[in-house]
PDB file of N, CA and C in Angstrom:
ATOM      1  N   MET A   1     -83.687  29.665 -25.361  1.00  0.00           N
ATOM      2  CA  MET A   1     -82.833  29.180 -24.289  1.00  0.00           C
ATOM      3  C   MET A   1     -83.648  28.875 -23.030  1.00  0.00           C
ATOM      4  N   ALA A   2     -84.598  29.735 -22.688  1.00  0.00           N
ATOM      5  CA  ALA A   2     -85.425  29.520 -21.504  1.00  0.00           C
ATOM      6  C   ALA A   2     -86.266  28.270 -21.674  1.00  0.00           C
ATOM      7  N   GLU A   3     -86.748  28.028 -22.882  1.00  0.00           N
ATOM      8  CA  GLU A   3     -87.540  26.829 -23.173  1.00  0.00           C
ATOM      9  C   GLU A   3     -86.706  25.577 -22.932  1.00  0.00           C
ATOM     10  N   GLU A   4     -85.462  25.600 -23.342  1.00  0.00           N
ATOM     11  CA  GLU A   4     -84.557  24.468 -23.156  1.00  0.00           C
ATOM     12  C   GLU A   4     -84.327  24.196 -21.660  1.00  0.00           C
ATOM     13  N   GLN A   5     -84.170  25.252 -20.880  1.00  0.00           N
ATOM     14  CA  GLN A   5     -83.960  25.119 -19.430  1.00  0.00           C
ATOM     15  C   GLN A   5     -85.194  24.505 -18.762  1.00  0.00           C
ATOM     16  N   ARG A   6     -86.391  24.975 -19.158  1.00  0.00           N
ATOM     17  CA  ARG A   6     -87.620  24.414 -18.586  1.00  0.00           C
ATOM     18  C   ARG A   6     -87.751  22.930 -18.915  1.00  0.00           C
ATOM     19  N   LYS A   7     -87.383  22.553 -20.127  1.00  0.00           N
ATOM     20  CA  LYS A   7     -87.453  21.151 -20.531  1.00  0.00           C
ATOM     21  C   LYS A   7     -86.481  20.312 -19.702  1.00  0.00           C
ATOM     22  N   LYS A   8     -85.275  20.808 -19.477  1.00  0.00           N
ATOM     23  CA  LYS A   8     -84.302  20.081 -18.659  1.00  0.00           C
ATOM     24  C   LYS A   8     -84.812  19.909 -17.236  1.00  0.00           C
ATOM     25  N   GLU A   9     -85.408  20.966 -16.678  1.00  0.00           N
ATOM     26  CA  GLU A   9     -85.936  20.889 -15.322  1.00  0.00           C
ATOM     27  C   GLU A   9     -87.083  19.890 -15.239  1.00  0.00           C
ATOM     28  N   ALA A  10     -87.957  19.889 -16.229  1.00  0.00           N
ATOM     29  CA  ALA A  10     -89.085  18.955 -16.254  1.00  0.00           C
ATOM     30  C   ALA A  10     -88.586  17.520 -16.367  1.00  0.00           C
ATOM     31  N   ASP A  11     -87.572  17.293 -17.195  1.00  0.00           N
ATOM     32  CA  ASP A  11     -87.015  15.959 -17.371  1.00  0.00           C
ATOM     33  C   ASP A  11     -86.322  15.462 -16.113  1.00  0.00           C
ATOM     34  N   SER A  12     -85.744  16.384 -15.325  1.00  0.00           N
ATOM     35  CA  SER A  12     -84.990  15.985 -14.145  1.00  0.00           C
ATOM     36  C   SER A  12     -85.888  15.682 -12.950  1.00  0.00           C
ATOM     37  N   LYS A  13     -87.151  16.088 -12.995  1.00  0.00           N
ATOM     38  CA  LYS A  13     -88.064  15.823 -11.893  1.00  0.00           C
ATOM     39  C   LYS A  13     -88.457  14.352 -11.915  1.00  0.00           C
ATOM     40  N   SER A  14     -88.417  13.736 -10.747  1.00  0.00           N
ATOM     41  CA  SER A  14     -88.755  12.318 -10.671  1.00  0.00           C
ATOM     42  C   SER A  14     -90.250  12.143 -10.438  1.00  0.00           C
ATOM     43  N   SER A  15     -90.726  10.960 -10.743  1.00  0.00           N
ATOM     44  CA  SER A  15     -92.128  10.635 -10.520  1.00  0.00           C
ATOM     45  C   SER A  15     -92.364  10.474  -9.022  1.00  0.00           C
ATOM     46  N   PRO A  16     -93.623  10.506  -8.585  1.00  0.00           N
ATOM     47  CA  PRO A  16     -93.906  10.296  -7.160  1.00  0.00           C
ATOM     48  C   PRO A  16     -93.376   8.948  -6.665  1.00  0.00           C
ATOM     49  N   VAL A  17     -93.417   7.928  -7.517  1.00  0.00           N
ATOM     50  CA  VAL A  17     -92.931   6.610  -7.118  1.00  0.00           C
ATOM     51  C   VAL A  17     -91.419   6.646  -6.930  1.00  0.00           C
ATOM     52  N   GLU A  18     -90.714   7.210  -7.898  1.00  0.00           N
ATOM     53  CA  GLU A  18     -89.257   7.290  -7.792  1.00  0.00           C
ATOM     54  C   GLU A  18     -88.842   8.116  -6.581  1.00  0.00           C
ATOM     55  N   ASP A  19     -89.551   9.196  -6.331  1.00  0.00           N
ATOM     56  CA  ASP A  19     -89.263  10.038  -5.173  1.00  0.00           C
ATOM     57  C   ASP A  19     -89.506   9.266  -3.878  1.00  0.00           C
ATOM     58  N   PHE A  20     -90.624   8.537  -3.808  1.00  0.00           N
ATOM     59  CA  PHE A  20     -90.949   7.741  -2.626  1.00  0.00           C
ATOM     60  C   PHE A  20     -89.870   6.690  -2.380  1.00  0.00           C
ATOM     61  N   VAL A  21     -89.489   5.964  -3.421  1.00  0.00           N
ATOM     62  CA  VAL A  21     -88.491   4.900  -3.301  1.00  0.00           C
ATOM     63  C   VAL A  21     -87.151   5.480  -2.864  1.00  0.00           C
ATOM     64  N   GLN A  22     -86.814   6.625  -3.371  1.00  0.00           N
ATOM     65  CA  GLN A  22     -85.545   7.262  -3.025  1.00  0.00           C
ATOM     66  C   GLN A  22     -85.457   7.573  -1.536  1.00  0.00           C
ATOM     67  N   HIS A  23     -86.595   7.785  -0.892  1.00  0.00           N
ATOM     68  CA  HIS A  23     -86.600   8.174   0.515  1.00  0.00           C
ATOM     69  C   HIS A  23     -86.999   7.041   1.467  1.00  0.00           C
ATOM     70  N   LEU A  24     -87.051   5.806   0.968  1.00  0.00           N
ATOM     71  CA  LEU A  24     -87.355   4.681   1.837  1.00  0.00           C
ATOM     72  C   LEU A  24     -86.226   4.460   2.835  1.00  0.00           C
ATOM     73  N   SER A  25     -86.590   4.104   4.060  1.00  0.00           N
ATOM     74  CA  SER A  25     -85.580   3.752   5.058  1.00  0.00           C
ATOM     75  C   SER A  25     -85.028   2.369   4.727  1.00  0.00           C
ATOM     76  N   GLU A  26     -83.931   2.011   5.348  1.00  0.00           N
ATOM     77  CA  GLU A  26     -83.357   0.686   5.143  1.00  0.00           C
ATOM     78  C   GLU A  26     -84.354  -0.397   5.559  1.00  0.00           C
ATOM     79  N   GLU A  27     -85.073  -0.164   6.659  1.00  0.00           N
ATOM     80  CA  GLU A  27     -86.071  -1.131   7.123  1.00  0.00           C
ATOM     81  C   GLU A  27     -87.183  -1.314   6.090  1.00  0.00           C
ATOM     82  N   GLN A  28     -87.628  -0.212   5.490  1.00  0.00           N
ATOM     83  CA  GLN A  28     -88.678  -0.295   4.474  1.00  0.00           C
ATOM     84  C   GLN A  28     -88.186  -1.042   3.240  1.00  0.00           C
ATOM     85  N   ARG A  29     -86.965  -0.774   2.832  1.00  0.00           N
ATOM     86  CA  ARG A  29     -86.394  -1.466   1.671  1.00  0.00           C
ATOM     87  C   ARG A  29     -86.339  -2.973   1.915  1.00  0.00           C
ATOM     88  N   ILE A  30     -85.915  -3.353   3.109  1.00  0.00           N
ATOM     89  CA  ILE A  30     -85.835  -4.771   3.451  1.00  0.00           C
ATOM     90  C   ILE A  30     -87.211  -5.410   3.380  1.00  0.00           C
ATOM     91  N   LEU A  31     -88.221  -4.724   3.902  1.00  0.00           N
ATOM     92  CA  LEU A  31     -89.578  -5.266   3.859  1.00  0.00           C
ATOM     93  C   LEU A  31     -90.068  -5.458   2.422  1.00  0.00           C
ATOM     94  N   VAL A  32     -89.780  -4.497   1.556  1.00  0.00           N
ATOM     95  CA  VAL A  32     -90.183  -4.611   0.150  1.00  0.00           C
ATOM     96  C   VAL A  32     -89.503  -5.827  -0.486  1.00  0.00           C
ATOM     97  N   ILE A  33     -88.226  -6.008  -0.201  1.00  0.00           N
ATOM     98  CA  ILE A  33     -87.475  -7.137  -0.754  1.00  0.00           C
ATOM     99  C   ILE A  33     -88.011  -8.460  -0.204  1.00  0.00           C
ATOM    100  N   LEU A  34     -88.259  -8.513   1.115  1.00  0.00           N
ATOM    101  CA  LEU A  34     -88.796  -9.729   1.722  1.00  0.00           C
ATOM    102  C   LEU A  34     -90.174 -10.066   1.154  1.00  0.00           C
ATOM    103  N   LYS A  35     -90.996  -9.036   0.978  1.00  0.00           N
ATOM    104  CA  LYS A  35     -92.334  -9.263   0.396  1.00  0.00           C
ATOM    105  C   LYS A  35     -92.202  -9.947  -0.958  1.00  0.00           C
ATOM    106  N   SER A  36     -91.289  -9.467  -1.738  1.00  0.00           N
ATOM    107  CA  SER A  36     -91.105 -10.002  -3.084  1.00  0.00           C
ATOM    108  C   SER A  36     -90.521 -11.411  -3.063  1.00  0.00           C
ATOM    109  N   GLN A  37     -89.482 -11.619  -2.257  1.00  0.00           N
ATOM    110  CA  GLN A  37     -88.749 -12.874  -2.320  1.00  0.00           C
ATOM    111  C   GLN A  37     -89.313 -13.988  -1.445  1.00  0.00           C
ATOM    112  N   LEU A  38     -89.917 -13.646  -0.312  1.00  0.00           N
ATOM    113  CA  LEU A  38     -90.379 -14.685   0.607  1.00  0.00           C
ATOM    114  C   LEU A  38     -91.889 -14.869   0.627  1.00  0.00           C
ATOM    115  N   TYR A  39     -92.616 -13.839   0.206  1.00  0.00           N
ATOM    116  CA  TYR A  39     -94.068 -13.892   0.322  1.00  0.00           C
ATOM    117  C   TYR A  39     -94.765 -13.727  -1.027  1.00  0.00           C
ATOM    118  N   GLY A  40     -94.072 -13.968  -2.090  1.00  0.00           N
ATOM    119  CA  GLY A  40     -94.662 -13.926  -3.425  1.00  0.00           C
ATOM    120  C   GLY A  40     -95.263 -12.588  -3.788  1.00  0.00           C
ATOM    121  N   GLY A  41     -94.728 -11.509  -3.217  1.00  0.00           N
ATOM    122  CA  GLY A  41     -95.226 -10.169  -3.518  1.00  0.00           C
ATOM    123  C   GLY A  41     -96.522  -9.829  -2.800  1.00  0.00           C
ATOM    124  N   ASN A  42     -96.848 -10.567  -1.740  1.00  0.00           N
ATOM    125  CA  ASN A  42     -98.138 -10.400  -1.072  1.00  0.00           C
ATOM    126  C   ASN A  42     -97.966  -9.840   0.338  1.00  0.00           C
ATOM    127  N   TRP A  43     -98.415  -8.608   0.535  1.00  0.00           N
ATOM    128  CA  TRP A  43     -98.322  -7.984   1.863  1.00  0.00           C
ATOM    129  C   TRP A  43     -99.165  -8.740   2.889  1.00  0.00           C
ATOM    130  N   ASP A  44    -100.325  -9.236   2.480  1.00  0.00           N
ATOM    131  CA  ASP A  44    -101.203  -9.920   3.433  1.00  0.00           C
ATOM    132  C   ASP A  44    -100.540 -11.154   4.037  1.00  0.00           C
ATOM    133  N   LEU A  45     -99.853 -11.944   3.211  1.00  0.00           N
ATOM    134  CA  LEU A  45     -99.145 -13.117   3.731  1.00  0.00           C
ATOM    135  C   LEU A  45     -98.076 -12.705   4.735  1.00  0.00           C
ATOM    136  N   MET A  46     -97.392 -11.628   4.425  1.00  0.00           N
ATOM    137  CA  MET A  46     -96.333 -11.148   5.307  1.00  0.00           C
ATOM    138  C   MET A  46     -96.920 -10.657   6.635  1.00  0.00           C
ATOM    139  N   LEU A  47     -98.013  -9.898   6.557  1.00  0.00           N
ATOM    140  CA  LEU A  47     -98.667  -9.413   7.779  1.00  0.00           C
ATOM    141  C   LEU A  47     -99.200 -10.571   8.615  1.00  0.00           C
ATOM    142  N   ASP A  48     -99.794 -11.567   7.962  1.00  0.00           N
ATOM    143  CA  ASP A  48    -100.282 -12.744   8.675  1.00  0.00           C
ATOM    144  C   ASP A  48     -99.137 -13.444   9.404  1.00  0.00           C
ATOM    145  N   ASP A  49     -98.002 -13.543   8.727  1.00  0.00           N
ATOM    146  CA  ASP A  49     -96.833 -14.181   9.311  1.00  0.00           C
ATOM    147  C   ASP A  49     -96.389 -13.436  10.577  1.00  0.00           C
ATOM    148  N   LEU A  50     -96.356 -12.122  10.499  1.00  0.00           N
ATOM    149  CA  LEU A  50     -95.947 -11.315  11.655  1.00  0.00           C
ATOM    150  C   LEU A  50     -96.963 -11.411  12.783  1.00  0.00           C
ATOM    151  N   GLN A  51     -98.248 -11.368  12.434  1.00  0.00           N
ATOM    152  CA  GLN A  51     -99.293 -11.488  13.452  1.00  0.00           C
ATOM    153  C   GLN A  51     -99.207 -12.854  14.141  1.00  0.00           C
ATOM    154  N   ASN A  52     -98.976 -13.908  13.372  1.00  0.00           N
ATOM    155  CA  ASN A  52     -98.828 -15.242  13.941  1.00  0.00           C
ATOM    156  C   ASN A  52     -97.663 -15.294  14.916  1.00  0.00           C
ATOM    157  N   ARG A  53     -96.589 -14.633  14.561  1.00  0.00           N
ATOM    158  CA  ARG A  53     -95.428 -14.610  15.449  1.00  0.00           C
ATOM    159  C   ARG A  53     -95.778 -13.890  16.756  1.00  0.00           C
ATOM    160  N   LEU A  54     -96.482 -12.777  16.651  1.00  0.00           N
ATOM    161  CA  LEU A  54     -96.889 -12.038  17.850  1.00  0.00           C
ATOM    162  C   LEU A  54     -97.782 -12.888  18.757  1.00  0.00           C
ATOM    163  N   GLU A  55     -98.631 -13.690  18.145  1.00  0.00           N
ATOM    164  CA  GLU A  55     -99.594 -14.502  18.888  1.00  0.00           C
ATOM    165  C   GLU A  55     -99.037 -15.863  19.296  1.00  0.00           C
ATOM    166  N   GLY A  56     -97.764 -16.102  19.013  1.00  0.00           N
ATOM    167  CA  GLY A  56     -97.150 -17.356  19.393  1.00  0.00           C
ATOM    168  C   GLY A  56     -97.528 -18.526  18.509  1.00  0.00           C
ATOM    169  N   LYS A  57     -98.127 -18.239  17.373  1.00  0.00           N
ATOM    170  CA  LYS A  57     -98.491 -19.286  16.413  1.00  0.00           C
ATOM    171  C   LYS A  57     -97.299 -19.564  15.500  1.00  0.00           C
ATOM    172  N   PRO A  58     -97.339 -20.669  14.758  1.00  0.00           N
ATOM    173  CA  PRO A  58     -96.246 -20.942  13.817  1.00  0.00           C
ATOM    174  C   PRO A  58     -96.126 -19.818  12.784  1.00  0.00           C
ATOM    175  N   TYR A  59     -94.908 -19.484  12.443  1.00  0.00           N
ATOM    176  CA  TYR A  59     -94.658 -18.432  11.463  1.00  0.00           C
ATOM    177  C   TYR A  59     -93.551 -18.867  10.519  1.00  0.00           C
ATOM    178  N   ILE A  60     -93.463 -18.180   9.394  1.00  0.00           N
ATOM    179  CA  ILE A  60     -92.532 -18.576   8.333  1.00  0.00           C
ATOM    180  C   ILE A  60     -91.146 -17.985   8.518  1.00  0.00           C
ATOM    181  N   PHE A  61     -91.086 -16.714   8.793  1.00  0.00           N
ATOM    182  CA  PHE A  61     -89.806 -16.022   8.742  1.00  0.00           C
ATOM    183  C   PHE A  61     -89.635 -15.138   9.957  1.00  0.00           C
ATOM    184  N   LYS A  62     -88.460 -15.127  10.517  1.00  0.00           N
ATOM    185  CA  LYS A  62     -88.174 -14.295  11.686  1.00  0.00           C
ATOM    186  C   LYS A  62     -87.495 -13.009  11.215  1.00  0.00           C
ATOM    187  N   LEU A  63     -88.204 -11.892  11.359  1.00  0.00           N
ATOM    188  CA  LEU A  63     -87.626 -10.607  10.998  1.00  0.00           C
ATOM    189  C   LEU A  63     -86.812 -10.057  12.168  1.00  0.00           C
ATOM    190  N   VAL A  64     -85.753  -9.353  11.861  1.00  0.00           N
ATOM    191  CA  VAL A  64     -84.864  -8.833  12.881  1.00  0.00           C
ATOM    192  C   VAL A  64     -85.496  -7.645  13.611  1.00  0.00           C
ATOM    193  N   ASN A  65     -86.236  -6.828  12.902  1.00  0.00           N
ATOM    194  CA  ASN A  65     -86.801  -5.612  13.484  1.00  0.00           C
ATOM    195  C   ASN A  65     -88.003  -5.918  14.362  1.00  0.00           C
ATOM    196  N   ARG A  66     -88.383  -4.959  15.168  1.00  0.00           N
ATOM    197  CA  ARG A  66     -89.563  -5.141  16.009  1.00  0.00           C
ATOM    198  C   ARG A  66     -90.802  -5.291  15.139  1.00  0.00           C
ATOM    199  N   ILE A  67     -91.641  -6.218  15.496  1.00  0.00           N
ATOM    200  CA  ILE A  67     -92.791  -6.578  14.675  1.00  0.00           C
ATOM    201  C   ILE A  67     -93.775  -5.417  14.515  1.00  0.00           C
ATOM    202  N   GLN A  68     -94.114  -4.754  15.584  1.00  0.00           N
ATOM    203  CA  GLN A  68     -95.090  -3.660  15.487  1.00  0.00           C
ATOM    204  C   GLN A  68     -94.609  -2.573  14.536  1.00  0.00           C
ATOM    205  N   ASP A  69     -93.322  -2.249  14.594  1.00  0.00           N
ATOM    206  CA  ASP A  69     -92.769  -1.247  13.677  1.00  0.00           C
ATOM    207  C   ASP A  69     -92.878  -1.722  12.237  1.00  0.00           C
ATOM    208  N   ASP A  70     -92.579  -2.998  12.004  1.00  0.00           N
ATOM    209  CA  ASP A  70     -92.657  -3.543  10.647  1.00  0.00           C
ATOM    210  C   ASP A  70     -94.096  -3.556  10.141  1.00  0.00           C
ATOM    211  N   ILE A  71     -95.030  -3.858  11.012  1.00  0.00           N
ATOM    212  CA  ILE A  71     -96.435  -3.859  10.607  1.00  0.00           C
ATOM    213  C   ILE A  71     -96.853  -2.468  10.144  1.00  0.00           C
ATOM    214  N   GLU A  72     -96.445  -1.439  10.866  1.00  0.00           N
ATOM    215  CA  GLU A  72     -96.761  -0.061  10.464  1.00  0.00           C
ATOM    216  C   GLU A  72     -96.078   0.295   9.151  1.00  0.00           C
ATOM    217  N   ARG A  73     -94.834  -0.120   8.975  1.00  0.00           N
ATOM    218  CA  ARG A  73     -94.122   0.146   7.717  1.00  0.00           C
ATOM    219  C   ARG A  73     -94.830  -0.539   6.553  1.00  0.00           C
ATOM    220  N   ILE A  74     -95.239  -1.783   6.770  1.00  0.00           N
ATOM    221  CA  ILE A  74     -95.922  -2.530   5.710  1.00  0.00           C
ATOM    222  C   ILE A  74     -97.217  -1.833   5.312  1.00  0.00           C
ATOM    223  N   LYS A  75     -97.973  -1.367   6.289  1.00  0.00           N
ATOM    224  CA  LYS A  75     -99.221  -0.661   5.984  1.00  0.00           C
ATOM    225  C   LYS A  75     -98.947   0.575   5.134  1.00  0.00           C
ATOM    226  N   GLN A  76     -97.904   1.316   5.474  1.00  0.00           N
ATOM    227  CA  GLN A  76     -97.548   2.521   4.710  1.00  0.00           C
ATOM    228  C   GLN A  76     -97.121   2.150   3.292  1.00  0.00           C
ATOM    229  N   LEU A  77     -96.269   1.143   3.171  1.00  0.00           N
ATOM    230  CA  LEU A  77     -95.781   0.731   1.855  1.00  0.00           C
ATOM    231  C   LEU A  77     -96.918   0.184   0.993  1.00  0.00           C
ATOM    232  N   ARG A  78     -97.778  -0.629   1.585  1.00  0.00           N
ATOM    233  CA  ARG A  78     -98.905  -1.185   0.828  1.00  0.00           C
ATOM    234  C   ARG A  78     -99.845  -0.077   0.376  1.00  0.00           C
ATOM    235  N   ARG A  79    -100.121   0.882   1.257  1.00  0.00           N
ATOM    236  CA  ARG A  79    -100.996   2.001   0.911  1.00  0.00           C
ATOM    237  C   ARG A  79    -100.410   2.779  -0.271  1.00  0.00           C
ATOM    238  N   PHE A  80     -99.106   3.017  -0.251  1.00  0.00           N
ATOM    239  CA  PHE A  80     -98.467   3.728  -1.359  1.00  0.00           C
ATOM    240  C   PHE A  80     -98.612   2.937  -2.656  1.00  0.00           C
ATOM    241  N   GLU A  81     -98.359   1.626  -2.597  1.00  0.00           N
ATOM    242  CA  GLU A  81     -98.485   0.791  -3.796  1.00  0.00           C
ATOM    243  C   GLU A  81     -99.902   0.855  -4.357  1.00  0.00           C
ATOM    244  N   GLN A  82    -100.885   0.772  -3.487  1.00  0.00           N
ATOM    245  CA  GLN A  82    -102.280   0.805  -3.939  1.00  0.00           C
ATOM    246  C   GLN A  82    -102.636   2.159  -4.546  1.00  0.00           C
ATOM    247  N   GLU A  83    -102.190   3.224  -3.912  1.00  0.00           N
ATOM    248  CA  GLU A  83    -102.508   4.570  -4.409  1.00  0.00           C
ATOM    249  C   GLU A  83    -101.880   4.839  -5.771  1.00  0.00           C
ATOM    250  N   HIS A  84    -100.707   4.249  -6.012  1.00  0.00           N
ATOM    251  CA  HIS A  84     -99.972   4.541  -7.247  1.00  0.00           C
ATOM    252  C   HIS A  84     -99.978   3.383  -8.239  1.00  0.00           C
ATOM    253  N   GLY A  85    -100.634   2.286  -7.884  1.00  0.00           N
ATOM    254  CA  GLY A  85    -100.728   1.153  -8.803  1.00  0.00           C
ATOM    255  C   GLY A  85     -99.383   0.578  -9.184  1.00  0.00           C
ATOM    256  N   VAL A  86     -98.478   0.456  -8.208  1.00  0.00           N
ATOM    257  CA  VAL A  86     -97.130  -0.048  -8.484  1.00  0.00           C
ATOM    258  C   VAL A  86     -96.782  -1.162  -7.501  1.00  0.00           C
ATOM    259  N   ASP A  87     -95.746  -1.908  -7.837  1.00  0.00           N
ATOM    260  CA  ASP A  87     -95.128  -2.864  -6.938  1.00  0.00           C
ATOM    261  C   ASP A  87     -93.740  -2.312  -6.646  1.00  0.00           C
ATOM    262  N   LEU A  88     -93.512  -1.889  -5.415  1.00  0.00           N
ATOM    263  CA  LEU A  88     -92.235  -1.260  -5.070  1.00  0.00           C
ATOM    264  C   LEU A  88     -91.045  -2.188  -5.285  1.00  0.00           C
ATOM    265  N   ALA A  89     -91.285  -3.484  -5.302  1.00  0.00           N
ATOM    266  CA  ALA A  89     -90.194  -4.433  -5.544  1.00  0.00           C
ATOM    267  C   ALA A  89     -89.570  -4.226  -6.924  1.00  0.00           C
ATOM    268  N   GLU A  90     -90.312  -3.637  -7.834  1.00  0.00           N
ATOM    269  CA  GLU A  90     -89.769  -3.347  -9.160  1.00  0.00           C
ATOM    270  C   GLU A  90     -88.796  -2.169  -9.120  1.00  0.00           C
ATOM    271  N   TYR A  91     -88.812  -1.429  -8.026  1.00  0.00           N
ATOM    272  CA  TYR A  91     -87.974  -0.240  -7.892  1.00  0.00           C
ATOM    273  C   TYR A  91     -86.865  -0.410  -6.858  1.00  0.00           C
ATOM    274  N   VAL A  92     -87.022  -1.351  -5.944  1.00  0.00           N
ATOM    275  CA  VAL A  92     -86.040  -1.574  -4.886  1.00  0.00           C
ATOM    276  C   VAL A  92     -85.317  -2.872  -5.197  1.00  0.00           C
ATOM    277  N   HIS A  93     -83.984  -2.818  -5.164  1.00  0.00           N
ATOM    278  CA  HIS A  93     -83.189  -3.990  -5.500  1.00  0.00           C
ATOM    279  C   HIS A  93     -82.269  -4.346  -4.349  1.00  0.00           C
ATOM    280  N   LEU A  94     -81.894  -5.604  -4.277  1.00  0.00           N
ATOM    281  CA  LEU A  94     -81.067  -6.111  -3.189  1.00  0.00           C
ATOM    282  C   LEU A  94     -79.784  -5.330  -2.972  1.00  0.00           C
ATOM    283  N   ASP A  95     -79.155  -4.896  -4.042  1.00  0.00           N
ATOM    284  CA  ASP A  95     -77.856  -4.246  -3.922  1.00  0.00           C
ATOM    285  C   ASP A  95     -77.941  -2.775  -3.570  1.00  0.00           C
ATOM    286  N   GLU A  96     -79.152  -2.254  -3.401  1.00  0.00           N
ATOM    287  CA  GLU A  96     -79.297  -0.850  -3.052  1.00  0.00           C
ATOM    288  C   GLU A  96     -79.151  -0.661  -1.547  1.00  0.00           C
ATOM    289  N   THR A  97     -78.632   0.493  -1.179  1.00  0.00           N
ATOM    290  CA  THR A  97     -78.573   0.848   0.229  1.00  0.00           C
ATOM    291  C   THR A  97     -79.418   2.078   0.438  1.00  0.00           C
ATOM    292  N   ALA A  98     -79.769   2.332   1.667  1.00  0.00           N
ATOM    293  CA  ALA A  98     -80.602   3.505   1.973  1.00  0.00           C
ATOM    294  C   ALA A  98     -79.853   4.766   1.611  1.00  0.00           C
ATOM    295  N   PRO A  99     -80.576   5.801   1.153  1.00  0.00           N
ATOM    296  CA  PRO A  99     -79.923   7.063   0.800  1.00  0.00           C
ATOM    297  C   PRO A  99     -79.342   7.719   2.036  1.00  0.00           C
ATOM    298  N   GLU A 100     -78.246   8.403   1.842  1.00  0.00           N
ATOM    299  CA  GLU A 100     -77.630   9.138   2.934  1.00  0.00           C
ATOM    300  C   GLU A 100     -78.481  10.336   3.286  1.00  0.00           C
ATOM    301  N   GLU A 101     -78.652  10.594   4.551  1.00  0.00           N
ATOM    302  CA  GLU A 101     -79.471  11.729   4.978  1.00  0.00           C
ATOM    303  C   GLU A 101     -78.634  12.864   5.451  1.00  0.00           C
TER     304      GLU A 101
END
């Protein structure tokens, strides 16, 4: 019986990626979706776009959130993807909402 309980507990534990995705803010989720849909899954293109907007150069997309905050979020999300070898867009979907806190 104890063996069965340990197996259930092990099965119920989520992976680091699933845990990370579960705790993304709404702003982070939007950035992941935008990266996938507007920038071909490329963080660098998205960052360039934001930097261009800050510098008054032509840019592709106007994000609602403050640019500096989004740049920091993108760096965090990209770092996580690189560390775990994943594309968060495969885990975040348009119809999802941020988890209740």
